[in-house]
Amino acid sequence: MVVKNIAVLFSGSGSNLQAILEKVHGKIFKGIKINVALLICNNPDAKGIERAKKFGLETVVINHKDFSNREEFDRAVVDEIGKFKIDLTVLAGFMRILTPVFTDNIKAINLHPSILPLFKGAHAINDSFYSDMQVGGVSVHWVSSELDSGQIIAQKTFARKDKTLKEWEEKIHKIEHKLLPKTIIEILTKESDA
């Protein structure tokens, strides 16, 4: 059986990590088994580390504060990923701006809580909510050296319909938890068809 290994990078609560572990990890799609082979977190206090333990997975903590610049941190992350045979790296709430040290060496996708190319950056949920847009949404895109600017792979939208900010955010997370695992599966099974 073909096995595809993914690395998941996260910074916070790990709700998207949990969605990946529940819906993708160790499961078989079109004859391909997908394994989460590596978890990396830049925040030693992230709740996602505990979530991973419930699935029997340890997280490698590479604290960005231990490095004097972004490039050094990215080199450490790239080196760690290089220790494993990783078919796809997934940024699931990984709150770091990555340099070409990472983007030129790692094939990665990122989850972003807006309809790109609108509302790039760390405040996308608030920025989209307080805009005049009548839709919100989620994007999955290839990681490139320019922030939130890589080729878009998948998007899903929803209508505003008088949502509060809390409801807006909850709707985004609900879509994220479906769209990211689905996109991972599609990428890894499509590659095998090629």
N, C-alpha and C. Protein backbone atom coordinates (compact mmCIF):
# COMPACT_ATOMS: atom_id res chain seq x y z
N MET A 1 0.84 -1.20 0.00
CA MET A 1 0.00 0.00 0.00
C MET A 1 0.87 1.25 0.00
N VAL A 2 0.44 2.23 -0.76
CA VAL A 2 1.16 3.51 -0.80
C VAL A 2 0.86 4.28 0.48
N VAL A 3 1.90 4.78 1.13
CA VAL A 3 1.73 5.60 2.32
C VAL A 3 2.25 7.00 2.02
N LYS A 4 1.45 7.99 2.34
CA LYS A 4 1.86 9.39 2.18
C LYS A 4 1.97 10.01 3.56
N ASN A 5 3.08 10.65 3.81
CA ASN A 5 3.32 11.26 5.12
C ASN A 5 3.16 12.77 5.05
N ILE A 6 2.47 13.30 6.06
CA ILE A 6 2.33 14.75 6.14
C ILE A 6 2.95 15.26 7.44
N ALA A 7 3.43 16.49 7.37
CA ALA A 7 3.88 17.22 8.56
C ALA A 7 2.85 18.32 8.79
N VAL A 8 2.47 18.52 10.05
CA VAL A 8 1.52 19.58 10.38
C VAL A 8 2.21 20.56 11.31
N LEU A 9 2.18 21.84 10.94
CA LEU A 9 2.77 22.91 11.75
C LEU A 9 1.64 23.75 12.33
N PHE A 10 1.70 24.00 13.63
CA PHE A 10 0.64 24.78 14.28
C PHE A 10 1.24 25.64 15.39
N SER A 11 0.46 26.61 15.85
CA SER A 11 0.94 27.54 16.88
C SER A 11 0.03 27.64 18.09
N GLY A 12 -1.22 27.24 17.95
CA GLY A 12 -2.19 27.55 19.01
C GLY A 12 -3.00 26.37 19.50
N SER A 13 -4.32 26.55 19.49
CA SER A 13 -5.21 25.57 20.12
C SER A 13 -5.23 24.23 19.41
N GLY A 14 -4.90 24.24 18.12
CA GLY A 14 -4.84 22.97 17.40
C GLY A 14 -6.18 22.40 16.98
N SER A 15 -7.20 23.24 16.84
CA SER A 15 -8.50 22.70 16.41
C SER A 15 -8.43 22.16 14.98
N ASN A 16 -7.66 22.80 14.12
CA ASN A 16 -7.50 22.27 12.76
C ASN A 16 -6.61 21.03 12.75
N LEU A 17 -5.63 21.00 13.63
CA LEU A 17 -4.82 19.80 13.80
C LEU A 17 -5.72 18.63 14.19
N GLN A 18 -6.62 18.87 15.14
CA GLN A 18 -7.52 17.80 15.58
C GLN A 18 -8.39 17.32 14.42
N ALA A 19 -8.88 18.24 13.60
CA ALA A 19 -9.70 17.85 12.44
C ALA A 19 -8.90 16.95 11.50
N ILE A 20 -7.62 17.28 11.30
CA ILE A 20 -6.76 16.45 10.45
C ILE A 20 -6.55 15.08 11.08
N LEU A 21 -6.28 15.05 12.37
CA LEU A 21 -6.04 13.77 13.05
C LEU A 21 -7.29 12.89 13.03
N GLU A 22 -8.45 13.51 13.18
CA GLU A 22 -9.71 12.73 13.18
C GLU A 22 -10.09 12.25 11.79
N LYS A 23 -9.89 13.09 10.78
CA LYS A 23 -10.45 12.79 9.45
C LYS A 23 -9.45 12.21 8.45
N VAL A 24 -8.15 12.37 8.73
CA VAL A 24 -7.14 11.99 7.74
C VAL A 24 -6.13 10.98 8.27
N HIS A 25 -5.62 11.23 9.46
CA HIS A 25 -4.50 10.45 10.00
C HIS A 25 -4.80 8.95 10.10
N GLY A 26 -3.94 8.15 9.47
CA GLY A 26 -4.07 6.69 9.55
C GLY A 26 -5.19 6.12 8.71
N LYS A 27 -5.84 6.96 7.93
CA LYS A 27 -6.98 6.49 7.12
C LYS A 27 -6.55 6.25 5.67
N ILE A 28 -7.35 5.49 4.96
CA ILE A 28 -7.02 5.11 3.58
C ILE A 28 -8.03 5.75 2.62
N PHE A 29 -7.50 6.40 1.58
CA PHE A 29 -8.32 7.05 0.55
C PHE A 29 -7.78 6.62 -0.80
N LYS A 30 -8.64 6.02 -1.63
CA LYS A 30 -8.23 5.54 -2.97
C LYS A 30 -6.97 4.70 -2.91
N GLY A 31 -6.89 3.85 -1.90
CA GLY A 31 -5.74 2.96 -1.77
C GLY A 31 -4.48 3.61 -1.21
N ILE A 32 -4.60 4.84 -0.73
CA ILE A 32 -3.44 5.55 -0.17
C ILE A 32 -3.69 5.81 1.31
N LYS A 33 -2.74 5.35 2.12
CA LYS A 33 -2.84 5.62 3.55
C LYS A 33 -2.10 6.92 3.85
N ILE A 34 -2.77 7.83 4.56
CA ILE A 34 -2.17 9.11 4.91
C ILE A 34 -1.83 9.12 6.40
N ASN A 35 -0.58 9.39 6.70
CA ASN A 35 -0.11 9.43 8.08
C ASN A 35 0.38 10.82 8.44
N VAL A 36 0.03 11.27 9.65
CA VAL A 36 0.67 12.47 10.18
C VAL A 36 1.97 11.97 10.81
N ALA A 37 3.09 12.22 10.13
CA ALA A 37 4.38 11.69 10.54
C ALA A 37 5.18 12.65 11.40
N LEU A 38 4.79 13.94 11.38
CA LEU A 38 5.55 14.95 12.11
C LEU A 38 4.65 16.10 12.51
N LEU A 39 4.78 16.52 13.75
CA LEU A 39 4.09 17.72 14.24
C LEU A 39 5.15 18.69 14.74
N ILE A 40 5.05 19.93 14.28
CA ILE A 40 5.97 20.98 14.75
C ILE A 40 5.14 22.15 15.26
N CYS A 41 5.53 22.67 16.43
CA CYS A 41 4.86 23.83 17.00
C CYS A 41 5.93 24.83 17.45
N ASN A 42 5.67 26.10 17.23
CA ASN A 42 6.62 27.14 17.63
C ASN A 42 6.29 27.74 19.00
N ASN A 43 5.24 27.23 19.64
CA ASN A 43 4.78 27.78 20.91
C ASN A 43 4.72 26.65 21.95
N PRO A 44 5.65 26.64 22.92
CA PRO A 44 5.69 25.54 23.88
C PRO A 44 4.43 25.42 24.74
N ASP A 45 3.61 26.47 24.79
CA ASP A 45 2.39 26.45 25.60
C ASP A 45 1.13 26.18 24.78
N ALA A 46 1.27 25.83 23.51
CA ALA A 46 0.10 25.64 22.65
C ALA A 46 -0.76 24.47 23.12
N LYS A 47 -2.07 24.69 23.12
CA LYS A 47 -3.01 23.64 23.52
C LYS A 47 -2.99 22.46 22.55
N GLY A 48 -2.60 22.74 21.31
CA GLY A 48 -2.56 21.69 20.29
C GLY A 48 -1.62 20.55 20.66
N ILE A 49 -0.60 20.83 21.47
CA ILE A 49 0.35 19.79 21.89
C ILE A 49 -0.39 18.73 22.70
N GLU A 50 -1.30 19.17 23.58
CA GLU A 50 -2.10 18.22 24.38
C GLU A 50 -3.08 17.46 23.49
N ARG A 51 -3.67 18.14 22.52
CA ARG A 51 -4.59 17.45 21.59
C ARG A 51 -3.87 16.32 20.88
N ALA A 52 -2.64 16.60 20.43
CA ALA A 52 -1.86 15.59 19.71
C ALA A 52 -1.58 14.37 20.58
N LYS A 53 -1.28 14.62 21.87
CA LYS A 53 -0.98 13.51 22.79
C LYS A 53 -2.15 12.55 22.91
N LYS A 54 -3.38 13.07 22.79
CA LYS A 54 -4.57 12.21 22.87
C LYS A 54 -4.62 11.23 21.70
N PHE A 55 -3.90 11.56 20.64
CA PHE A 55 -3.81 10.66 19.48
C PHE A 55 -2.50 9.87 19.49
N GLY A 56 -1.77 9.95 20.62
CA GLY A 56 -0.52 9.24 20.77
C GLY A 56 0.64 9.86 20.00
N LEU A 57 0.52 11.14 19.67
CA LEU A 57 1.56 11.81 18.87
C LEU A 57 2.29 12.87 19.70
N GLU A 58 3.59 12.85 19.58
CA GLU A 58 4.43 13.86 20.23
C GLU A 58 4.66 15.02 19.26
N THR A 59 4.82 16.19 19.78
CA THR A 59 5.06 17.38 18.97
C THR A 59 6.50 17.86 19.19
N VAL A 60 7.17 18.18 18.09
CA VAL A 60 8.50 18.78 18.18
C VAL A 60 8.30 20.29 18.37
N VAL A 61 8.77 20.81 19.49
CA VAL A 61 8.65 22.26 19.74
C VAL A 61 9.94 22.95 19.29
N ILE A 62 9.77 23.86 18.35
CA ILE A 62 10.89 24.71 17.91
C ILE A 62 10.43 26.14 18.18
N ASN A 63 10.84 26.65 19.31
CA ASN A 63 10.36 27.96 19.76
C ASN A 63 11.08 29.06 18.98
N HIS A 64 10.29 29.86 18.25
CA HIS A 64 10.89 30.93 17.44
C HIS A 64 11.66 31.95 18.29
N LYS A 65 11.33 32.03 19.58
CA LYS A 65 12.02 32.99 20.45
C LYS A 65 13.47 32.58 20.73
N ASP A 66 13.81 31.33 20.40
CA ASP A 66 15.17 30.84 20.62
C ASP A 66 16.12 31.21 19.47
N PHE A 67 15.59 31.90 18.47
CA PHE A 67 16.39 32.22 17.29
C PHE A 67 16.51 33.72 17.11
N SER A 68 17.65 34.17 16.57
CA SER A 68 17.88 35.60 16.46
C SER A 68 17.19 36.21 15.24
N ASN A 69 16.79 35.37 14.25
CA ASN A 69 16.06 35.91 13.11
C ASN A 69 15.17 34.84 12.49
N ARG A 70 14.31 35.28 11.58
CA ARG A 70 13.34 34.36 10.94
C ARG A 70 14.05 33.26 10.16
N GLU A 71 15.13 33.63 9.48
CA GLU A 71 15.83 32.65 8.64
C GLU A 71 16.40 31.50 9.47
N GLU A 72 16.95 31.81 10.63
CA GLU A 72 17.50 30.76 11.50
C GLU A 72 16.39 29.83 11.97
N PHE A 73 15.27 30.41 12.36
CA PHE A 73 14.12 29.60 12.78
C PHE A 73 13.65 28.71 11.63
N ASP A 74 13.49 29.32 10.45
CA ASP A 74 13.02 28.55 9.29
C ASP A 74 13.98 27.42 8.96
N ARG A 75 15.28 27.66 9.09
CA ARG A 75 16.28 26.62 8.81
C ARG A 75 16.08 25.43 9.76
N ALA A 76 15.83 25.73 11.03
CA ALA A 76 15.60 24.66 12.02
C ALA A 76 14.36 23.84 11.67
N VAL A 77 13.30 24.53 11.22
CA VAL A 77 12.06 23.83 10.82
C VAL A 77 12.31 22.98 9.58
N VAL A 78 12.98 23.55 8.59
CA VAL A 78 13.29 22.81 7.35
C VAL A 78 14.15 21.58 7.67
N ASP A 79 15.13 21.75 8.54
CA ASP A 79 16.00 20.63 8.91
C ASP A 79 15.21 19.52 9.59
N GLU A 80 14.26 19.90 10.45
CA GLU A 80 13.43 18.90 11.14
C GLU A 80 12.56 18.15 10.14
N ILE A 81 11.93 18.87 9.23
CA ILE A 81 11.09 18.23 8.21
C ILE A 81 11.94 17.30 7.35
N GLY A 82 13.17 17.72 7.09
CA GLY A 82 14.08 16.92 6.27
C GLY A 82 14.46 15.58 6.88
N LYS A 83 14.26 15.41 8.18
CA LYS A 83 14.57 14.13 8.83
C LYS A 83 13.54 13.05 8.50
N PHE A 84 12.42 13.47 7.94
CA PHE A 84 11.32 12.54 7.64
C PHE A 84 11.05 12.55 6.15
N LYS A 85 10.42 11.48 5.68
CA LYS A 85 10.01 11.46 4.26
C LYS A 85 8.60 12.07 4.22
N ILE A 86 8.55 13.37 4.01
CA ILE A 86 7.28 14.10 4.06
C ILE A 86 6.82 14.40 2.64
N ASP A 87 5.57 14.02 2.34
CA ASP A 87 5.00 14.27 1.01
C ASP A 87 4.33 15.64 0.93
N LEU A 88 3.84 16.13 2.07
CA LEU A 88 3.15 17.42 2.09
C LEU A 88 3.24 18.00 3.49
N THR A 89 3.56 19.29 3.57
CA THR A 89 3.56 19.99 4.86
C THR A 89 2.32 20.88 4.90
N VAL A 90 1.64 20.86 6.04
CA VAL A 90 0.38 21.58 6.20
C VAL A 90 0.53 22.61 7.31
N LEU A 91 0.29 23.88 6.98
CA LEU A 91 0.28 24.93 8.00
C LEU A 91 -1.15 25.08 8.49
N ALA A 92 -1.39 24.66 9.72
CA ALA A 92 -2.74 24.67 10.28
C ALA A 92 -2.75 25.62 11.48
N GLY A 93 -2.89 26.90 11.18
CA GLY A 93 -2.82 27.90 12.25
C GLY A 93 -1.39 28.07 12.73
N PHE A 94 -0.45 28.09 11.78
CA PHE A 94 0.96 28.31 12.10
C PHE A 94 1.22 29.80 11.92
N MET A 95 1.36 30.50 13.04
CA MET A 95 1.38 31.96 13.00
C MET A 95 2.79 32.53 12.87
N ARG A 96 3.45 32.15 11.78
CA ARG A 96 4.77 32.68 11.49
C ARG A 96 4.84 33.10 10.03
N ILE A 97 5.46 34.25 9.78
CA ILE A 97 5.73 34.66 8.40
C ILE A 97 7.00 33.93 7.99
N LEU A 98 6.91 33.15 6.92
CA LEU A 98 8.02 32.30 6.51
C LEU A 98 8.89 32.96 5.45
N THR A 99 10.17 32.69 5.52
CA THR A 99 11.13 33.26 4.57
C THR A 99 11.39 32.26 3.44
N PRO A 100 12.11 32.68 2.40
CA PRO A 100 12.46 31.75 1.33
C PRO A 100 13.28 30.53 1.81
N VAL A 101 13.92 30.63 2.97
CA VAL A 101 14.61 29.46 3.53
C VAL A 101 13.62 28.30 3.65
N PHE A 102 12.39 28.63 4.05
CA PHE A 102 11.32 27.62 4.13
C PHE A 102 10.63 27.45 2.78
N THR A 103 10.16 28.55 2.21
CA THR A 103 9.28 28.45 1.04
C THR A 103 9.97 27.88 -0.19
N ASP A 104 11.28 28.03 -0.29
CA ASP A 104 12.00 27.49 -1.45
C ASP A 104 12.35 26.01 -1.28
N ASN A 105 12.17 25.49 -0.07
CA ASN A 105 12.61 24.13 0.21
C ASN A 105 11.51 23.16 0.61
N ILE A 106 10.37 23.68 0.99
CA ILE A 106 9.30 22.82 1.52
C ILE A 106 8.02 23.00 0.69
N LYS A 107 7.43 21.87 0.28
CA LYS A 107 6.15 21.90 -0.43
C LYS A 107 5.06 21.94 0.63
N ALA A 108 4.39 23.08 0.74
CA ALA A 108 3.46 23.27 1.84
C ALA A 108 2.18 23.96 1.38
N ILE A 109 1.11 23.66 2.13
CA ILE A 109 -0.16 24.37 1.95
C ILE A 109 -0.49 25.10 3.24
N ASN A 110 -1.28 26.16 3.11
CA ASN A 110 -1.68 26.96 4.26
C ASN A 110 -3.19 27.15 4.26
N LEU A 111 -3.73 27.18 5.46
CA LEU A 111 -5.15 27.46 5.66
C LEU A 111 -5.27 28.92 6.05
N HIS A 112 -6.18 29.66 5.38
CA HIS A 112 -6.33 31.08 5.70
C HIS A 112 -7.81 31.41 5.86
N PRO A 113 -8.18 32.16 6.94
CA PRO A 113 -9.59 32.39 7.24
C PRO A 113 -10.23 33.58 6.52
N SER A 114 -9.99 33.66 5.21
CA SER A 114 -10.71 34.65 4.39
C SER A 114 -10.69 34.17 2.95
N ILE A 115 -11.43 34.90 2.12
CA ILE A 115 -11.42 34.61 0.69
C ILE A 115 -10.25 35.38 0.09
N LEU A 116 -9.14 34.70 -0.06
CA LEU A 116 -7.98 35.34 -0.68
C LEU A 116 -8.28 35.67 -2.14
N PRO A 117 -7.72 36.71 -2.71
CA PRO A 117 -6.61 37.51 -2.17
C PRO A 117 -7.02 38.62 -1.20
N LEU A 118 -8.27 38.64 -0.76
CA LEU A 118 -8.70 39.66 0.21
C LEU A 118 -8.29 39.28 1.63
N PHE A 119 -8.00 40.26 2.43
CA PHE A 119 -7.78 40.11 3.87
C PHE A 119 -6.64 39.15 4.21
N LYS A 120 -5.46 39.48 3.74
CA LYS A 120 -4.27 38.70 4.07
C LYS A 120 -3.82 39.05 5.49
N GLY A 121 -2.98 38.19 6.05
CA GLY A 121 -2.38 38.49 7.34
C GLY A 121 -3.13 37.91 8.53
N ALA A 122 -2.64 38.27 9.71
CA ALA A 122 -3.08 37.64 10.96
C ALA A 122 -4.46 38.10 11.45
N HIS A 123 -5.00 39.18 10.89
CA HIS A 123 -6.28 39.70 11.39
C HIS A 123 -7.41 39.49 10.39
N ALA A 124 -7.29 38.46 9.58
CA ALA A 124 -8.24 38.25 8.48
C ALA A 124 -9.68 38.10 8.93
N ILE A 125 -9.90 37.44 10.06
CA ILE A 125 -11.29 37.23 10.51
C ILE A 125 -11.94 38.57 10.83
N ASN A 126 -11.27 39.39 11.65
CA ASN A 126 -11.82 40.71 11.99
C ASN A 126 -11.91 41.61 10.76
N ASP A 127 -10.85 41.60 9.93
CA ASP A 127 -10.84 42.47 8.75
C ASP A 127 -11.99 42.13 7.81
N SER A 128 -12.25 40.85 7.62
CA SER A 128 -13.35 40.47 6.72
C SER A 128 -14.70 40.77 7.35
N PHE A 129 -14.83 40.54 8.66
CA PHE A 129 -16.10 40.81 9.34
C PHE A 129 -16.47 42.28 9.27
N TYR A 130 -15.49 43.16 9.49
CA TYR A 130 -15.78 44.60 9.54
C TYR A 130 -15.74 45.26 8.16
N SER A 131 -15.60 44.46 7.12
CA SER A 131 -15.62 45.00 5.76
C SER A 131 -17.07 45.08 5.27
N ASP A 132 -17.24 45.58 4.04
CA ASP A 132 -18.58 45.64 3.44
C ASP A 132 -18.94 44.34 2.72
N MET A 133 -18.05 43.35 2.75
CA MET A 133 -18.30 42.09 2.05
C MET A 133 -19.54 41.40 2.60
N GLN A 134 -20.33 40.86 1.71
CA GLN A 134 -21.54 40.13 2.12
C GLN A 134 -21.29 38.63 2.28
N VAL A 135 -20.03 38.24 2.02
CA VAL A 135 -19.65 36.84 2.24
C VAL A 135 -18.33 36.79 3.01
N GLY A 136 -18.18 35.73 3.77
CA GLY A 136 -16.91 35.41 4.40
C GLY A 136 -16.47 34.07 3.85
N GLY A 137 -15.35 33.58 4.33
CA GLY A 137 -14.94 32.29 3.83
C GLY A 137 -13.55 31.89 4.25
N VAL A 138 -13.11 30.80 3.61
CA VAL A 138 -11.84 30.17 3.94
C VAL A 138 -11.12 29.82 2.64
N SER A 139 -9.80 29.92 2.65
CA SER A 139 -8.99 29.54 1.50
C SER A 139 -7.90 28.56 1.93
N VAL A 140 -7.56 27.65 1.05
CA VAL A 140 -6.36 26.83 1.21
C VAL A 140 -5.49 27.15 0.00
N HIS A 141 -4.22 27.46 0.26
CA HIS A 141 -3.35 27.85 -0.85
C HIS A 141 -1.95 27.27 -0.67
N TRP A 142 -1.23 27.18 -1.79
CA TRP A 142 0.17 26.78 -1.72
C TRP A 142 0.96 27.89 -1.04
N VAL A 143 1.92 27.53 -0.23
CA VAL A 143 2.76 28.51 0.46
C VAL A 143 3.81 29.04 -0.51
N SER A 144 3.92 30.35 -0.56
CA SER A 144 4.95 30.99 -1.40
C SER A 144 5.70 31.99 -0.52
N SER A 145 6.71 32.62 -1.10
CA SER A 145 7.51 33.55 -0.30
C SER A 145 6.77 34.84 0.05
N GLU A 146 5.68 35.12 -0.65
CA GLU A 146 4.89 36.31 -0.33
C GLU A 146 3.70 35.90 0.54
N LEU A 147 3.48 36.61 1.64
CA LEU A 147 2.46 36.25 2.62
C LEU A 147 1.09 36.04 2.00
N ASP A 148 0.51 34.87 2.26
CA ASP A 148 -0.86 34.53 1.83
C ASP A 148 -1.10 34.81 0.35
N SER A 149 -0.10 34.55 -0.47
CA SER A 149 -0.21 34.89 -1.89
C SER A 149 0.02 33.72 -2.84
N GLY A 150 0.24 32.53 -2.32
CA GLY A 150 0.46 31.38 -3.19
C GLY A 150 -0.80 31.00 -3.94
N GLN A 151 -0.64 30.14 -4.93
CA GLN A 151 -1.78 29.71 -5.76
C GLN A 151 -2.88 29.11 -4.88
N ILE A 152 -4.11 29.55 -5.13
CA ILE A 152 -5.25 29.07 -4.35
C ILE A 152 -5.65 27.69 -4.84
N ILE A 153 -5.85 26.76 -3.88
CA ILE A 153 -6.22 25.39 -4.19
C ILE A 153 -7.72 25.19 -3.99
N ALA A 154 -8.25 25.73 -2.89
CA ALA A 154 -9.66 25.52 -2.56
C ALA A 154 -10.19 26.72 -1.78
N GLN A 155 -11.48 27.01 -1.99
CA GLN A 155 -12.14 28.08 -1.23
C GLN A 155 -13.59 27.68 -0.97
N LYS A 156 -14.11 28.18 0.14
CA LYS A 156 -15.51 27.97 0.46
C LYS A 156 -16.02 29.25 1.11
N THR A 157 -17.18 29.69 0.67
CA THR A 157 -17.76 30.94 1.19
C THR A 157 -19.06 30.67 1.95
N PHE A 158 -19.47 31.68 2.69
CA PHE A 158 -20.78 31.65 3.36
C PHE A 158 -21.34 33.06 3.36
N ALA A 159 -22.67 33.17 3.47
CA ALA A 159 -23.33 34.49 3.45
C ALA A 159 -23.29 35.14 4.83
N ARG A 160 -23.21 36.46 4.83
CA ARG A 160 -23.12 37.23 6.08
C ARG A 160 -24.36 37.00 6.96
N LYS A 161 -25.55 37.25 6.43
CA LYS A 161 -26.82 37.02 7.15
C LYS A 161 -26.83 37.47 8.61
N ASP A 162 -26.50 38.71 8.86
CA ASP A 162 -26.60 39.29 10.21
C ASP A 162 -25.80 38.55 11.28
N LYS A 163 -24.73 37.92 10.91
CA LYS A 163 -23.91 37.19 11.90
C LYS A 163 -23.18 38.18 12.80
N THR A 164 -23.07 37.79 14.08
CA THR A 164 -22.21 38.54 15.00
C THR A 164 -20.76 38.13 14.69
N LEU A 165 -19.80 38.85 15.27
CA LEU A 165 -18.39 38.49 15.06
C LEU A 165 -18.13 37.06 15.55
N LYS A 166 -18.72 36.71 16.68
CA LYS A 166 -18.54 35.36 17.24
C LYS A 166 -19.09 34.31 16.27
N GLU A 167 -20.28 34.54 15.74
CA GLU A 167 -20.88 33.59 14.79
C GLU A 167 -20.06 33.51 13.49
N TRP A 168 -19.54 34.65 13.07
CA TRP A 168 -18.69 34.73 11.87
C TRP A 168 -17.45 33.85 12.05
N GLU A 169 -16.81 34.03 13.21
CA GLU A 169 -15.60 33.26 13.52
C GLU A 169 -15.93 31.76 13.63
N GLU A 170 -17.02 31.44 14.30
CA GLU A 170 -17.41 30.02 14.44
C GLU A 170 -17.68 29.38 13.09
N LYS A 171 -18.33 30.12 12.20
CA LYS A 171 -18.62 29.60 10.86
C LYS A 171 -17.31 29.35 10.09
N ILE A 172 -16.37 30.27 10.20
CA ILE A 172 -15.08 30.10 9.54
C ILE A 172 -14.39 28.84 10.04
N HIS A 173 -14.36 28.65 11.35
CA HIS A 173 -13.69 27.46 11.90
C HIS A 173 -14.38 26.17 11.48
N LYS A 174 -15.71 26.21 11.42
CA LYS A 174 -16.46 25.03 11.00
C LYS A 174 -16.08 24.64 9.55
N ILE A 175 -15.97 25.64 8.69
CA ILE A 175 -15.57 25.38 7.29
C ILE A 175 -14.13 24.90 7.24
N GLU A 176 -13.25 25.54 8.02
CA GLU A 176 -11.83 25.14 8.04
C GLU A 176 -11.68 23.66 8.36
N HIS A 177 -12.44 23.19 9.36
CA HIS A 177 -12.31 21.81 9.84
C HIS A 177 -12.76 20.80 8.79
N LYS A 178 -13.53 21.24 7.80
CA LYS A 178 -13.91 20.35 6.69
C LYS A 178 -13.00 20.54 5.48
N LEU A 179 -12.73 21.81 5.15
CA LEU A 179 -12.02 22.11 3.90
C LEU A 179 -10.56 21.67 3.93
N LEU A 180 -9.87 21.86 5.06
CA LEU A 180 -8.46 21.50 5.10
C LEU A 180 -8.24 19.99 4.96
N PRO A 181 -8.92 19.14 5.76
CA PRO A 181 -8.73 17.69 5.56
C PRO A 181 -9.09 17.23 4.14
N LYS A 182 -10.19 17.77 3.62
CA LYS A 182 -10.63 17.41 2.26
C LYS A 182 -9.56 17.77 1.22
N THR A 183 -8.95 18.94 1.37
CA THR A 183 -7.92 19.39 0.43
C THR A 183 -6.67 18.52 0.53
N ILE A 184 -6.27 18.17 1.75
CA ILE A 184 -5.11 17.29 1.94
C ILE A 184 -5.33 15.97 1.21
N ILE A 185 -6.50 15.40 1.40
CA ILE A 185 -6.83 14.11 0.76
C ILE A 185 -6.80 14.26 -0.76
N GLU A 186 -7.40 15.34 -1.27
CA GLU A 186 -7.44 15.54 -2.73
C GLU A 186 -6.02 15.69 -3.30
N ILE A 187 -5.17 16.45 -2.66
CA ILE A 187 -3.81 16.65 -3.16
C ILE A 187 -3.05 15.33 -3.19
N LEU A 188 -3.11 14.58 -2.10
CA LEU A 188 -2.29 13.37 -1.99
C LEU A 188 -2.83 12.22 -2.84
N THR A 189 -4.14 12.19 -3.08
CA THR A 189 -4.67 11.11 -3.93
C THR A 189 -4.54 11.48 -5.40
N LYS A 190 -4.61 12.77 -5.71
CA LYS A 190 -4.46 13.21 -7.11
C LYS A 190 -3.04 12.97 -7.61
N GLU A 191 -2.06 13.19 -6.71
CA GLU A 191 -0.66 12.98 -7.06
C GLU A 191 -0.42 11.54 -7.50
N SER A 192 -1.12 10.62 -6.86
CA SER A 192 -0.92 9.21 -7.19
C SER A 192 -1.57 8.85 -8.51
N ASP A 193 -2.60 9.61 -8.90
CA ASP A 193 -3.27 9.37 -10.19
C ASP A 193 -2.37 9.82 -11.35
N ALA A 194 -1.54 10.83 -11.07
CA ALA A 194 -0.72 11.43 -12.15
C ALA A 194 0.35 10.47 -12.66
